[in-house]
N, C-alpha and C. Protein backbone atom coordinates (compact mmCIF):
# COMPACT_ATOMS: atom_id res chain seq x y z
N MET A 1 7.08 -20.58 -35.34
CA MET A 1 7.17 -19.70 -34.20
C MET A 1 5.84 -19.74 -33.46
N THR A 2 5.90 -19.84 -32.18
CA THR A 2 4.69 -19.86 -31.37
C THR A 2 4.59 -18.57 -30.58
N TYR A 3 3.36 -18.17 -30.34
CA TYR A 3 3.10 -16.97 -29.57
C TYR A 3 2.35 -17.34 -28.31
N ASN A 4 2.68 -16.69 -27.23
CA ASN A 4 1.98 -16.90 -25.97
C ASN A 4 0.82 -15.91 -25.92
N ILE A 5 -0.38 -16.39 -26.25
CA ILE A 5 -1.55 -15.53 -26.28
C ILE A 5 -1.85 -14.94 -24.91
N ALA A 6 -1.60 -15.70 -23.85
CA ALA A 6 -1.88 -15.24 -22.49
C ALA A 6 -1.02 -14.04 -22.10
N ALA A 7 0.13 -13.87 -22.74
CA ALA A 7 1.02 -12.75 -22.42
C ALA A 7 0.66 -11.50 -23.19
N MET A 8 -0.26 -11.59 -24.12
CA MET A 8 -0.64 -10.44 -24.94
C MET A 8 -1.71 -9.62 -24.22
N PRO A 9 -1.92 -8.37 -24.66
CA PRO A 9 -2.94 -7.53 -24.05
C PRO A 9 -4.34 -8.17 -24.14
N GLN A 10 -5.20 -7.78 -23.23
CA GLN A 10 -6.54 -8.36 -23.14
C GLN A 10 -7.33 -8.21 -24.44
N GLU A 11 -7.20 -7.08 -25.11
CA GLU A 11 -7.94 -6.85 -26.36
C GLU A 11 -7.53 -7.85 -27.44
N ILE A 12 -6.25 -8.13 -27.53
CA ILE A 12 -5.77 -9.10 -28.52
C ILE A 12 -6.25 -10.50 -28.16
N GLN A 13 -6.23 -10.83 -26.89
CA GLN A 13 -6.73 -12.13 -26.45
C GLN A 13 -8.20 -12.29 -26.82
N GLN A 14 -8.98 -11.23 -26.60
CA GLN A 14 -10.41 -11.30 -26.92
C GLN A 14 -10.63 -11.47 -28.42
N GLN A 15 -9.88 -10.74 -29.24
CA GLN A 15 -10.01 -10.88 -30.69
C GLN A 15 -9.64 -12.30 -31.14
N PHE A 16 -8.61 -12.85 -30.52
CA PHE A 16 -8.20 -14.21 -30.85
C PHE A 16 -9.32 -15.20 -30.53
N GLU A 17 -9.94 -15.04 -29.37
CA GLU A 17 -11.05 -15.91 -28.96
C GLU A 17 -12.25 -15.76 -29.90
N LEU A 18 -12.53 -14.54 -30.33
CA LEU A 18 -13.63 -14.32 -31.26
C LEU A 18 -13.34 -14.96 -32.62
N GLN A 19 -12.09 -14.89 -33.07
CA GLN A 19 -11.71 -15.53 -34.32
C GLN A 19 -11.90 -17.04 -34.24
N LYS A 20 -11.47 -17.62 -33.11
CA LYS A 20 -11.63 -19.07 -32.93
C LYS A 20 -13.10 -19.46 -32.96
N LYS A 21 -13.91 -18.71 -32.23
CA LYS A 21 -15.34 -19.03 -32.15
C LYS A 21 -16.00 -18.91 -33.53
N ALA A 22 -15.70 -17.82 -34.25
CA ALA A 22 -16.30 -17.60 -35.56
C ALA A 22 -15.88 -18.68 -36.56
N SER A 23 -14.60 -19.01 -36.58
CA SER A 23 -14.13 -20.02 -37.53
C SER A 23 -14.72 -21.39 -37.21
N LEU A 24 -14.85 -21.70 -35.94
CA LEU A 24 -15.44 -22.97 -35.54
C LEU A 24 -16.91 -23.04 -35.93
N TRP A 25 -17.68 -21.98 -35.68
CA TRP A 25 -19.10 -21.96 -36.04
C TRP A 25 -19.30 -22.10 -37.54
N VAL A 26 -18.49 -21.37 -38.33
CA VAL A 26 -18.61 -21.45 -39.79
C VAL A 26 -18.25 -22.86 -40.26
N TYR A 27 -17.23 -23.45 -39.67
CA TYR A 27 -16.84 -24.81 -40.03
C TYR A 27 -17.97 -25.80 -39.72
N TRP A 28 -18.57 -25.68 -38.54
CA TRP A 28 -19.65 -26.58 -38.16
C TRP A 28 -20.84 -26.46 -39.08
N VAL A 29 -21.20 -25.23 -39.46
CA VAL A 29 -22.34 -25.03 -40.36
C VAL A 29 -22.03 -25.61 -41.73
N ASN A 30 -20.83 -25.35 -42.25
CA ASN A 30 -20.48 -25.81 -43.60
C ASN A 30 -20.27 -27.31 -43.69
N THR A 31 -19.89 -27.95 -42.60
CA THR A 31 -19.69 -29.41 -42.64
C THR A 31 -20.96 -30.16 -42.25
N GLY A 32 -21.99 -29.42 -41.85
CA GLY A 32 -23.27 -30.05 -41.53
C GLY A 32 -23.29 -30.73 -40.17
N LYS A 33 -22.56 -30.19 -39.22
CA LYS A 33 -22.59 -30.77 -37.88
C LYS A 33 -24.03 -30.71 -37.36
N PRO A 34 -24.53 -31.82 -36.82
CA PRO A 34 -25.93 -31.85 -36.36
C PRO A 34 -26.24 -30.72 -35.38
N GLY A 35 -27.32 -30.02 -35.66
CA GLY A 35 -27.76 -28.94 -34.79
C GLY A 35 -27.18 -27.58 -35.14
N TRP A 36 -26.21 -27.52 -36.03
CA TRP A 36 -25.60 -26.24 -36.37
C TRP A 36 -26.05 -25.79 -37.76
N THR A 37 -26.85 -24.74 -37.76
CA THR A 37 -27.33 -24.12 -38.99
C THR A 37 -27.04 -22.63 -38.89
N ARG A 38 -27.30 -21.93 -39.97
CA ARG A 38 -27.14 -20.48 -39.95
C ARG A 38 -28.08 -19.85 -38.92
N GLU A 39 -29.24 -20.43 -38.76
CA GLU A 39 -30.19 -19.91 -37.77
C GLU A 39 -29.64 -20.08 -36.36
N ARG A 40 -29.02 -21.21 -36.09
CA ARG A 40 -28.43 -21.43 -34.76
C ARG A 40 -27.33 -20.41 -34.48
N VAL A 41 -26.54 -20.09 -35.51
CA VAL A 41 -25.49 -19.09 -35.34
C VAL A 41 -26.12 -17.74 -35.02
N ARG A 42 -27.22 -17.40 -35.69
CA ARG A 42 -27.91 -16.13 -35.39
C ARG A 42 -28.41 -16.11 -33.95
N VAL A 43 -28.94 -17.23 -33.47
CA VAL A 43 -29.42 -17.31 -32.10
C VAL A 43 -28.27 -17.17 -31.12
N GLU A 44 -27.18 -17.87 -31.36
CA GLU A 44 -26.01 -17.78 -30.49
C GLU A 44 -25.46 -16.35 -30.47
N LEU A 45 -25.46 -15.72 -31.63
CA LEU A 45 -24.96 -14.36 -31.74
C LEU A 45 -25.85 -13.39 -30.96
N ALA A 46 -27.15 -13.60 -31.02
CA ALA A 46 -28.10 -12.73 -30.32
C ALA A 46 -27.98 -12.87 -28.80
N GLN A 47 -27.47 -13.98 -28.32
CA GLN A 47 -27.35 -14.20 -26.89
C GLN A 47 -26.16 -13.47 -26.26
N ILE A 48 -25.28 -12.93 -27.08
CA ILE A 48 -24.13 -12.20 -26.55
C ILE A 48 -24.60 -10.82 -26.11
N ALA A 49 -24.39 -10.50 -24.84
CA ALA A 49 -24.91 -9.26 -24.25
C ALA A 49 -24.13 -8.02 -24.68
N ASP A 50 -22.83 -8.14 -24.79
CA ASP A 50 -21.98 -6.99 -25.11
C ASP A 50 -22.09 -6.65 -26.60
N ASP A 51 -22.56 -5.44 -26.90
CA ASP A 51 -22.76 -5.04 -28.30
C ASP A 51 -21.45 -5.02 -29.09
N ALA A 52 -20.39 -4.52 -28.49
CA ALA A 52 -19.10 -4.45 -29.20
C ALA A 52 -18.58 -5.85 -29.52
N GLU A 53 -18.71 -6.75 -28.56
CA GLU A 53 -18.26 -8.13 -28.79
C GLU A 53 -19.10 -8.81 -29.87
N ARG A 54 -20.41 -8.56 -29.84
CA ARG A 54 -21.30 -9.16 -30.83
C ARG A 54 -20.97 -8.66 -32.24
N GLU A 55 -20.70 -7.36 -32.37
CA GLU A 55 -20.37 -6.81 -33.68
C GLU A 55 -19.01 -7.32 -34.17
N ALA A 56 -18.05 -7.44 -33.27
CA ALA A 56 -16.74 -7.96 -33.66
C ALA A 56 -16.87 -9.42 -34.11
N LEU A 57 -17.67 -10.20 -33.39
CA LEU A 57 -17.88 -11.60 -33.77
C LEU A 57 -18.61 -11.68 -35.11
N ARG A 58 -19.57 -10.80 -35.32
CA ARG A 58 -20.30 -10.77 -36.60
C ARG A 58 -19.35 -10.48 -37.76
N GLU A 59 -18.39 -9.56 -37.56
CA GLU A 59 -17.41 -9.27 -38.61
C GLU A 59 -16.54 -10.49 -38.91
N TRP A 60 -16.10 -11.19 -37.86
CA TRP A 60 -15.30 -12.39 -38.08
C TRP A 60 -16.11 -13.48 -38.76
N LEU A 61 -17.39 -13.59 -38.42
CA LEU A 61 -18.25 -14.58 -39.08
C LEU A 61 -18.36 -14.28 -40.57
N ARG A 62 -18.54 -13.02 -40.92
CA ARG A 62 -18.60 -12.64 -42.34
C ARG A 62 -17.29 -12.98 -43.04
N HIS A 63 -16.18 -12.69 -42.36
CA HIS A 63 -14.86 -12.95 -42.93
C HIS A 63 -14.67 -14.44 -43.24
N TYR A 64 -14.92 -15.27 -42.25
CA TYR A 64 -14.71 -16.71 -42.45
C TYR A 64 -15.75 -17.32 -43.38
N ASP A 65 -16.96 -16.78 -43.41
CA ASP A 65 -17.98 -17.27 -44.32
C ASP A 65 -17.58 -16.95 -45.77
N ALA A 66 -17.03 -15.77 -46.00
CA ALA A 66 -16.57 -15.41 -47.34
C ALA A 66 -15.43 -16.32 -47.79
N ILE A 67 -14.53 -16.64 -46.88
CA ILE A 67 -13.44 -17.55 -47.22
C ILE A 67 -13.99 -18.93 -47.57
N ALA A 68 -14.94 -19.41 -46.78
CA ALA A 68 -15.53 -20.73 -47.02
C ALA A 68 -16.27 -20.76 -48.35
N LYS A 69 -16.97 -19.68 -48.66
CA LYS A 69 -17.70 -19.64 -49.94
C LYS A 69 -16.76 -19.61 -51.13
N SER A 70 -15.68 -18.85 -51.03
CA SER A 70 -14.73 -18.79 -52.14
C SER A 70 -14.00 -20.12 -52.32
N ALA A 71 -13.76 -20.82 -51.22
CA ALA A 71 -13.09 -22.12 -51.32
C ALA A 71 -14.03 -23.17 -51.90
N ALA A 72 -15.32 -22.99 -51.73
CA ALA A 72 -16.29 -23.97 -52.23
C ALA A 72 -16.59 -23.79 -53.71
N LYS A 73 -16.24 -22.63 -54.28
CA LYS A 73 -16.50 -22.40 -55.70
C LYS A 73 -15.58 -23.29 -56.54
N PRO A 74 -16.12 -23.84 -57.62
CA PRO A 74 -15.24 -24.65 -58.49
C PRO A 74 -14.23 -23.74 -59.19
N ALA A 75 -13.08 -24.27 -59.43
CA ALA A 75 -12.02 -23.51 -60.09
C ALA A 75 -12.45 -23.19 -61.52
N SER A 76 -12.13 -21.99 -61.96
CA SER A 76 -12.50 -21.62 -63.32
C SER A 76 -11.61 -22.35 -64.31
N LYS A 77 -12.15 -22.59 -65.47
CA LYS A 77 -11.43 -23.31 -66.51
C LYS A 77 -10.31 -22.42 -67.05
N PRO A 78 -9.09 -22.92 -67.11
CA PRO A 78 -8.01 -22.07 -67.62
C PRO A 78 -8.21 -21.77 -69.10
N THR A 79 -7.85 -20.57 -69.48
CA THR A 79 -7.99 -20.18 -70.88
C THR A 79 -6.76 -20.61 -71.66
N ASN A 80 -6.96 -20.89 -72.89
CA ASN A 80 -5.85 -21.28 -73.76
C ASN A 80 -5.42 -20.04 -74.53
N LYS A 81 -4.42 -19.35 -74.02
CA LYS A 81 -3.96 -18.11 -74.64
C LYS A 81 -3.05 -18.38 -75.83
N LYS A 82 -2.59 -19.59 -75.96
CA LYS A 82 -1.68 -19.91 -77.07
C LYS A 82 -2.44 -20.20 -78.35
N GLY A 83 -3.72 -20.36 -78.27
CA GLY A 83 -4.54 -20.77 -79.41
C GLY A 83 -4.38 -19.88 -80.61
N PHE A 84 -4.41 -18.57 -80.42
CA PHE A 84 -4.34 -17.66 -81.56
C PHE A 84 -2.96 -17.65 -82.20
N ARG A 85 -1.94 -17.73 -81.38
CA ARG A 85 -0.58 -17.69 -81.92
C ARG A 85 -0.33 -18.92 -82.78
N HIS A 86 -0.77 -20.07 -82.31
CA HIS A 86 -0.52 -21.29 -83.08
C HIS A 86 -1.45 -21.37 -84.29
N ALA A 87 -2.62 -20.82 -84.18
CA ALA A 87 -3.55 -20.88 -85.30
C ALA A 87 -3.10 -19.98 -86.44
N ALA A 88 -2.36 -18.94 -86.15
CA ALA A 88 -1.92 -18.00 -87.20
C ALA A 88 -0.78 -18.54 -88.02
N ARG A 89 -0.11 -19.54 -87.57
CA ARG A 89 1.05 -20.06 -88.32
C ARG A 89 0.67 -20.86 -89.50
């Protein structure tokens, strides 16, 4: 199903644009795109004049950064719960 973002209220459109920007910046930093570091993201964020927009973008950056960090963690080793049952026989 596709949604027409242009037909939605202005606030939803702005949130959608902030989500796109935040996810793109986090992706560029994590993939090592030349010129994109965490410091560059801080500079870009500081250049946004509107305080509400800057805070909303900062929240989305935290959200996508947390997702990227959790995806980068190695999977935990599965435990063998059957060990005790078979050992008791």
